[in-house]
């Protein structure tokens, strides 16, 4: 939106950059975990399925927390 309205990207530094990288890493990891679960999850044992569910929840919580830091520090 900043690029569209102001014709420049917002200036972020420090904590905001770390939060952005962490948020992107969690989102990508969550996507890969979901893809793996959809492709091979039927052959997984119950313990692996539960671990995938907990891991997905933890990645989502970290991504949301990183988004809050990104919002606060940018």
PDB file of N, CA and C in Angstrom:
ATOM      1  N   UNK A   1       0.829  -1.189   0.000  1.00  0.00           N
ATOM      2  CA  UNK A   1       0.000   0.000   0.000  1.00  0.00           C
ATOM      3  C   UNK A   1       0.871   1.247   0.000  1.00  0.00           C
ATOM      4  N   UNK A   2       1.959   1.207   0.751  1.00  0.00           N
ATOM      5  CA  UNK A   2       2.849   2.373   0.781  1.00  0.00           C
ATOM      6  C   UNK A   2       3.430   2.659  -0.592  1.00  0.00           C
ATOM      7  N   UNK A   3       3.786   1.615  -1.303  1.00  0.00           N
ATOM      8  CA  UNK A   3       4.341   1.800  -2.646  1.00  0.00           C
ATOM      9  C   UNK A   3       3.296   2.412  -3.571  1.00  0.00           C
ATOM     10  N   UNK A   4       2.057   1.992  -3.430  1.00  0.00           N
ATOM     11  CA  UNK A   4       0.991   2.503  -4.286  1.00  0.00           C
ATOM     12  C   UNK A   4       0.660   3.971  -3.969  1.00  0.00           C
ATOM     13  N   UNK A   5       0.473   4.276  -2.677  1.00  0.00           N
ATOM     14  CA  UNK A   5       0.029   5.613  -2.309  1.00  0.00           C
ATOM     15  C   UNK A   5       1.155   6.641  -2.226  1.00  0.00           C
ATOM     16  N   UNK A   6       2.313   6.228  -1.687  1.00  0.00           N
ATOM     17  CA  UNK A   6       3.399   7.186  -1.464  1.00  0.00           C
ATOM     18  C   UNK A   6       4.561   7.010  -2.439  1.00  0.00           C
ATOM     19  N   UNK A   7       4.500   5.997  -3.289  1.00  0.00           N
ATOM     20  CA  UNK A   7       5.526   5.712  -4.291  1.00  0.00           C
ATOM     21  C   UNK A   7       6.886   5.404  -3.676  1.00  0.00           C
ATOM     22  N   UNK A   8       6.869   4.823  -2.484  1.00  0.00           N
ATOM     23  CA  UNK A   8       8.096   4.352  -1.849  1.00  0.00           C
ATOM     24  C   UNK A   8       7.747   3.286  -0.821  1.00  0.00           C
ATOM     25  N   UNK A   9       8.703   2.416  -0.571  1.00  0.00           N
ATOM     26  CA  UNK A   9       8.507   1.389   0.444  1.00  0.00           C
ATOM     27  C   UNK A   9       8.740   1.987   1.830  1.00  0.00           C
ATOM     28  N   UNK A  10       8.090   1.465   2.853  1.00  0.00           N
ATOM     29  CA  UNK A  10       8.295   2.015   4.195  1.00  0.00           C
ATOM     30  C   UNK A  10       9.707   1.712   4.695  1.00  0.00           C
ATOM     31  N   UNK A  11      10.225   2.619   5.490  1.00  0.00           N
ATOM     32  CA  UNK A  11      11.545   2.432   6.090  1.00  0.00           C
ATOM     33  C   UNK A  11      11.387   1.620   7.367  1.00  0.00           C
ATOM     34  N   UNK A  12      11.980   0.436   7.360  1.00  0.00           N
ATOM     35  CA  UNK A  12      11.969  -0.380   8.573  1.00  0.00           C
ATOM     36  C   UNK A  12      13.402  -0.777   8.867  1.00  0.00           C
ATOM     37  N   UNK A  13      13.708  -0.939  10.139  1.00  0.00           N
ATOM     38  CA  UNK A  13      15.065  -1.320  10.537  1.00  0.00           C
ATOM     39  C   UNK A  13      15.010  -2.022  11.886  1.00  0.00           C
ATOM     40  N   UNK A  14      16.088  -2.673  12.220  1.00  0.00           N
ATOM     41  CA  UNK A  14      16.239  -3.275  13.535  1.00  0.00           C
ATOM     42  C   UNK A  14      15.260  -4.389  13.808  1.00  0.00           C
ATOM     43  N   UNK A  15      14.469  -4.194  14.847  1.00  0.00           N
ATOM     44  CA  UNK A  15      13.527  -5.214  15.308  1.00  0.00           C
ATOM     45  C   UNK A  15      12.491  -5.531  14.237  1.00  0.00           C
ATOM     46  N   UNK A  16      12.077  -4.524  13.484  1.00  0.00           N
ATOM     47  CA  UNK A  16      11.054  -4.744  12.462  1.00  0.00           C
ATOM     48  C   UNK A  16      11.552  -5.672  11.356  1.00  0.00           C
ATOM     49  N   UNK A  17      12.811  -5.555  10.984  1.00  0.00           N
ATOM     50  CA  UNK A  17      13.365  -6.432   9.950  1.00  0.00           C
ATOM     51  C   UNK A  17      13.431  -7.865  10.454  1.00  0.00           C
ATOM     52  N   UNK A  18      13.874  -8.031  11.689  1.00  0.00           N
ATOM     53  CA  UNK A  18      13.925  -9.377  12.286  1.00  0.00           C
ATOM     54  C   UNK A  18      12.525  -9.964  12.370  1.00  0.00           C
ATOM     55  N   UNK A  19      11.552  -9.156  12.774  1.00  0.00           N
ATOM     56  CA  UNK A  19      10.168  -9.624  12.865  1.00  0.00           C
ATOM     57  C   UNK A  19       9.621 -10.010  11.490  1.00  0.00           C
ATOM     58  N   UNK A  20       9.961  -9.237  10.470  1.00  0.00           N
ATOM     59  CA  UNK A  20       9.501  -9.544   9.124  1.00  0.00           C
ATOM     60  C   UNK A  20      10.093 -10.857   8.624  1.00  0.00           C
ATOM     61  N   UNK A  21      11.396 -11.053   8.838  1.00  0.00           N
ATOM     62  CA  UNK A  21      12.047 -12.293   8.417  1.00  0.00           C
ATOM     63  C   UNK A  21      11.472 -13.482   9.174  1.00  0.00           C
ATOM     64  N   UNK A  22      11.262 -13.322  10.477  1.00  0.00           N
ATOM     65  CA  UNK A  22      10.690 -14.399  11.292  1.00  0.00           C
ATOM     66  C   UNK A  22       9.273 -14.730  10.850  1.00  0.00           C
ATOM     67  N   UNK A  23       8.490 -13.718  10.564  1.00  0.00           N
ATOM     68  CA  UNK A  23       7.117 -13.928  10.100  1.00  0.00           C
ATOM     69  C   UNK A  23       7.093 -14.662   8.762  1.00  0.00           C
ATOM     70  N   UNK A  24       7.966 -14.261   7.848  1.00  0.00           N
ATOM     71  CA  UNK A  24       8.026 -14.921   6.547  1.00  0.00           C
ATOM     72  C   UNK A  24       8.505 -16.363   6.680  1.00  0.00           C
ATOM     73  N   UNK A  25       9.468 -16.608   7.557  1.00  0.00           N
ATOM     74  CA  UNK A  25       9.974 -17.968   7.766  1.00  0.00           C
ATOM     75  C   UNK A  25       8.889 -18.863   8.361  1.00  0.00           C
ATOM     76  N   UNK A  26       8.132 -18.346   9.318  1.00  0.00           N
ATOM     77  CA  UNK A  26       7.053 -19.140   9.920  1.00  0.00           C
ATOM     78  C   UNK A  26       5.948 -19.426   8.910  1.00  0.00           C
ATOM     79  N   UNK A  27       5.616 -18.444   8.100  1.00  0.00           N
ATOM     80  CA  UNK A  27       4.585 -18.652   7.091  1.00  0.00           C
ATOM     81  C   UNK A  27       5.024 -19.694   6.063  1.00  0.00           C
ATOM     82  N   UNK A  28       6.271 -19.609   5.618  1.00  0.00           N
ATOM     83  CA  UNK A  28       6.775 -20.583   4.649  1.00  0.00           C
ATOM     84  C   UNK A  28       6.855 -21.979   5.261  1.00  0.00           C
ATOM     85  N   UNK A  29       7.314 -22.065   6.497  1.00  0.00           N
ATOM     86  CA  UNK A  29       7.400 -23.364   7.173  1.00  0.00           C
ATOM     87  C   UNK A  29       6.020 -23.970   7.382  1.00  0.00           C
ATOM     88  N   UNK A  30       5.064 -23.134   7.752  1.00  0.00           N
ATOM     89  CA  UNK A  30       3.700 -23.613   7.924  1.00  0.00           C
ATOM     90  C   UNK A  30       3.102 -24.117   6.625  1.00  0.00           C
ATOM     91  N   UNK A  31       3.370 -23.412   5.535  1.00  0.00           N
ATOM     92  CA  UNK A  31       2.893 -23.849   4.225  1.00  0.00           C
ATOM     93  C   UNK A  31       3.504 -25.190   3.841  1.00  0.00           C
ATOM     94  N   UNK A  32       4.817 -25.345   4.051  1.00  0.00           N
ATOM     95  CA  UNK A  32       5.482 -26.606   3.727  1.00  0.00           C
ATOM     96  C   UNK A  32       4.978 -27.748   4.607  1.00  0.00           C
ATOM     97  N   UNK A  33       4.737 -27.454   5.887  1.00  0.00           N
ATOM     98  CA  UNK A  33       4.202 -28.470   6.789  1.00  0.00           C
ATOM     99  C   UNK A  33       2.810 -28.905   6.351  1.00  0.00           C
ATOM    100  N   UNK A  34       1.973 -27.959   5.962  1.00  0.00           N
ATOM    101  CA  UNK A  34       0.631 -28.287   5.478  1.00  0.00           C
ATOM    102  C   UNK A  34       0.695 -29.114   4.196  1.00  0.00           C
ATOM    103  N   UNK A  35       1.587 -28.733   3.288  1.00  0.00           N
ATOM    104  CA  UNK A  35       1.725 -29.484   2.034  1.00  0.00           C
ATOM    105  C   UNK A  35       2.187 -30.916   2.309  1.00  0.00           C
ATOM    106  N   UNK A  36       3.141 -31.074   3.213  1.00  0.00           N
ATOM    107  CA  UNK A  36       3.624 -32.415   3.559  1.00  0.00           C
ATOM    108  C   UNK A  36       2.507 -33.231   4.209  1.00  0.00           C
ATOM    109  N   UNK A  37       1.734 -32.586   5.072  1.00  0.00           N
ATOM    110  CA  UNK A  37       0.643 -33.293   5.737  1.00  0.00           C
ATOM    111  C   UNK A  37      -0.425 -33.728   4.730  1.00  0.00           C
ATOM    112  N   UNK A  38      -0.738 -32.861   3.776  1.00  0.00           N
ATOM    113  CA  UNK A  38      -1.742 -33.219   2.784  1.00  0.00           C
ATOM    114  C   UNK A  38      -1.259 -34.313   1.839  1.00  0.00           C
ATOM    115  N   UNK A  39       0.024 -34.299   1.519  1.00  0.00           N
ATOM    116  CA  UNK A  39       0.560 -35.297   0.595  1.00  0.00           C
ATOM    117  C   UNK A  39       0.817 -36.649   1.261  1.00  0.00           C
ATOM    118  N   UNK A  40       1.434 -36.626   2.432  1.00  0.00           N
ATOM    119  CA  UNK A  40       1.881 -37.878   3.048  1.00  0.00           C
ATOM    120  C   UNK A  40       1.259 -38.148   4.417  1.00  0.00           C
ATOM    121  N   UNK A  41       0.366 -37.300   4.882  1.00  0.00           N
ATOM    122  CA  UNK A  41      -0.185 -37.421   6.230  1.00  0.00           C
ATOM    123  C   UNK A  41      -0.976 -38.687   6.482  1.00  0.00           C
ATOM    124  N   UNK A  42      -1.573 -39.241   5.449  1.00  0.00           N
ATOM    125  CA  UNK A  42      -2.372 -40.455   5.650  1.00  0.00           C
ATOM    126  C   UNK A  42      -1.496 -41.648   6.048  1.00  0.00           C
ATOM    127  N   UNK A  43      -0.224 -41.608   5.689  1.00  0.00           N
ATOM    128  CA  UNK A  43       0.682 -42.695   6.039  1.00  0.00           C
ATOM    129  C   UNK A  43       1.424 -42.472   7.347  1.00  0.00           C
ATOM    130  N   UNK A  44       1.226 -41.317   7.972  1.00  0.00           N
ATOM    131  CA  UNK A  44       1.919 -41.008   9.215  1.00  0.00           C
ATOM    132  C   UNK A  44       1.244 -41.698  10.395  1.00  0.00           C
ATOM    133  N   UNK A  45       2.021 -42.002  11.403  1.00  0.00           N
ATOM    134  CA  UNK A  45       1.451 -42.545  12.643  1.00  0.00           C
ATOM    135  C   UNK A  45       0.768 -41.399  13.391  1.00  0.00           C
ATOM    136  N   UNK A  46      -0.059 -41.760  14.339  1.00  0.00           N
ATOM    137  CA  UNK A  46      -0.857 -40.757  15.064  1.00  0.00           C
ATOM    138  C   UNK A  46       0.024 -39.723  15.768  1.00  0.00           C
ATOM    139  N   UNK A  47       1.143 -40.155  16.303  1.00  0.00           N
ATOM    140  CA  UNK A  47       2.040 -39.242  17.020  1.00  0.00           C
ATOM    141  C   UNK A  47       2.572 -38.157  16.084  1.00  0.00           C
ATOM    142  N   UNK A  48       2.912 -38.513  14.849  1.00  0.00           N
ATOM    143  CA  UNK A  48       3.399 -37.536  13.880  1.00  0.00           C
ATOM    144  C   UNK A  48       2.301 -36.562  13.480  1.00  0.00           C
ATOM    145  N   UNK A  49       1.076 -37.033  13.367  1.00  0.00           N
ATOM    146  CA  UNK A  49      -0.034 -36.141  13.023  1.00  0.00           C
ATOM    147  C   UNK A  49      -0.276 -35.120  14.127  1.00  0.00           C
ATOM    148  N   UNK A  50      -0.233 -35.573  15.373  1.00  0.00           N
ATOM    149  CA  UNK A  50      -0.420 -34.656  16.500  1.00  0.00           C
ATOM    150  C   UNK A  50       0.722 -33.654  16.557  1.00  0.00           C
ATOM    151  N   UNK A  51       1.946 -34.115  16.323  1.00  0.00           N
ATOM    152  CA  UNK A  51       3.098 -33.230  16.308  1.00  0.00           C
ATOM    153  C   UNK A  51       2.968 -32.189  15.199  1.00  0.00           C
ATOM    154  N   UNK A  52       2.465 -32.588  14.044  1.00  0.00           N
ATOM    155  CA  UNK A  52       2.258 -31.642  12.948  1.00  0.00           C
ATOM    156  C   UNK A  52       1.218 -30.591  13.320  1.00  0.00           C
ATOM    157  N   UNK A  53       0.181 -30.995  14.013  1.00  0.00           N
ATOM    158  CA  UNK A  53      -0.861 -30.064  14.443  1.00  0.00           C
ATOM    159  C   UNK A  53      -0.310 -29.063  15.458  1.00  0.00           C
ATOM    160  N   UNK A  54       0.425 -29.546  16.451  1.00  0.00           N
ATOM    161  CA  UNK A  54       1.026 -28.659  17.445  1.00  0.00           C
ATOM    162  C   UNK A  54       2.052 -27.728  16.797  1.00  0.00           C
ATOM    163  N   UNK A  55       2.845 -28.261  15.889  1.00  0.00           N
ATOM    164  CA  UNK A  55       3.854 -27.443  15.211  1.00  0.00           C
ATOM    165  C   UNK A  55       3.197 -26.340  14.395  1.00  0.00           C
ATOM    166  N   UNK A  56       2.111 -26.661  13.728  1.00  0.00           N
ATOM    167  CA  UNK A  56       1.389 -25.670  12.951  1.00  0.00           C
ATOM    168  C   UNK A  56       0.835 -24.560  13.848  1.00  0.00           C
ATOM    169  N   UNK A  57       0.321 -24.944  15.001  1.00  0.00           N
ATOM    170  CA  UNK A  57      -0.206 -23.953  15.945  1.00  0.00           C
ATOM    171  C   UNK A  57       0.898 -23.055  16.490  1.00  0.00           C
ATOM    172  N   UNK A  58       2.041 -23.637  16.786  1.00  0.00           N
ATOM    173  CA  UNK A  58       3.165 -22.858  17.306  1.00  0.00           C
ATOM    174  C   UNK A  58       3.691 -21.905  16.234  1.00  0.00           C
ATOM    175  N   UNK A  59       3.810 -22.382  15.001  1.00  0.00           N
ATOM    176  CA  UNK A  59       4.254 -21.505  13.918  1.00  0.00           C
ATOM    177  C   UNK A  59       3.282 -20.346  13.708  1.00  0.00           C
ATOM    178  N   UNK A  60       1.988 -20.613  13.800  1.00  0.00           N
ATOM    179  CA  UNK A  60       0.991 -19.550  13.645  1.00  0.00           C
ATOM    180  C   UNK A  60       1.101 -18.524  14.772  1.00  0.00           C
ATOM    181  N   UNK A  61       1.300 -18.983  16.002  1.00  0.00           N
ATOM    182  CA  UNK A  61       1.436 -18.061  17.138  1.00  0.00           C
ATOM    183  C   UNK A  61       2.685 -17.201  17.003  1.00  0.00           C
ATOM    184  N   UNK A  62       3.779 -17.799  16.570  1.00  0.00           N
ATOM    185  CA  UNK A  62       5.015 -17.032  16.377  1.00  0.00           C
ATOM    186  C   UNK A  62       4.838 -16.013  15.257  1.00  0.00           C
ATOM    187  N   UNK A  63       4.193 -16.405  14.171  1.00  0.00           N
ATOM    188  CA  UNK A  63       3.970 -15.479  13.058  1.00  0.00           C
ATOM    189  C   UNK A  63       3.084 -14.310  13.488  1.00  0.00           C
ATOM    190  N   UNK A  64       2.053 -14.580  14.273  1.00  0.00           N
ATOM    191  CA  UNK A  64       1.195 -13.499  14.753  1.00  0.00           C
ATOM    192  C   UNK A  64       1.937 -12.571  15.705  1.00  0.00           C
ATOM    193  N   UNK A  65       2.769 -13.132  16.562  1.00  0.00           N
ATOM    194  CA  UNK A  65       3.574 -12.305  17.468  1.00  0.00           C
ATOM    195  C   UNK A  65       4.569 -11.457  16.685  1.00  0.00           C
ATOM    196  N   UNK A  66       5.194 -12.044  15.684  1.00  0.00           N
ATOM    197  CA  UNK A  66       6.123 -11.288  14.849  1.00  0.00           C
ATOM    198  C   UNK A  66       5.397 -10.176  14.102  1.00  0.00           C
ATOM    199  N   UNK A  67       4.178 -10.440  13.670  1.00  0.00           N
ATOM    200  CA  UNK A  67       3.391  -9.404  12.992  1.00  0.00           C
ATOM    201  C   UNK A  67       3.093  -8.238  13.939  1.00  0.00           C
ATOM    202  N   UNK A  68       2.842  -8.545  15.200  1.00  0.00           N
ATOM    203  CA  UNK A  68       2.593  -7.483  16.183  1.00  0.00           C
ATOM    204  C   UNK A  68       3.853  -6.640  16.383  1.00  0.00           C
ATOM    205  N   UNK A  69       5.012  -7.290  16.493  1.00  0.00           N
ATOM    206  CA  UNK A  69       6.262  -6.549  16.633  1.00  0.00           C
ATOM    207  C   UNK A  69       6.541  -5.725  15.372  1.00  0.00           C
ATOM    208  N   UNK A  70       6.268  -6.303  14.221  1.00  0.00           N
ATOM    209  CA  UNK A  70       6.475  -5.583  12.964  1.00  0.00           C
ATOM    210  C   UNK A  70       5.594  -4.336  12.925  1.00  0.00           C
ATOM    211  N   UNK A  71       4.368  -4.486  13.333  1.00  0.00           N
ATOM    212  CA  UNK A  71       3.446  -3.343  13.359  1.00  0.00           C
ATOM    213  C   UNK A  71       3.906  -2.285  14.353  1.00  0.00           C
ATOM    214  N   UNK A  72       4.368  -2.717  15.518  1.00  0.00           N
ATOM    215  CA  UNK A  72       4.751  -1.793  16.574  1.00  0.00           C
ATOM    216  C   UNK A  72       6.030  -1.028  16.212  1.00  0.00           C
ATOM    217  N   UNK A  73       7.015  -1.717  15.633  1.00  0.00           N
ATOM    218  CA  UNK A  73       8.313  -1.103  15.404  1.00  0.00           C
ATOM    219  C   UNK A  73       8.508  -0.536  14.003  1.00  0.00           C
ATOM    220  N   UNK A  74       7.475  -0.551  13.175  1.00  0.00           N
ATOM    221  CA  UNK A  74       7.661   0.026  11.840  1.00  0.00           C
ATOM    222  C   UNK A  74       6.921   1.338  11.710  1.00  0.00           C
TER     223      UNK A  74
END
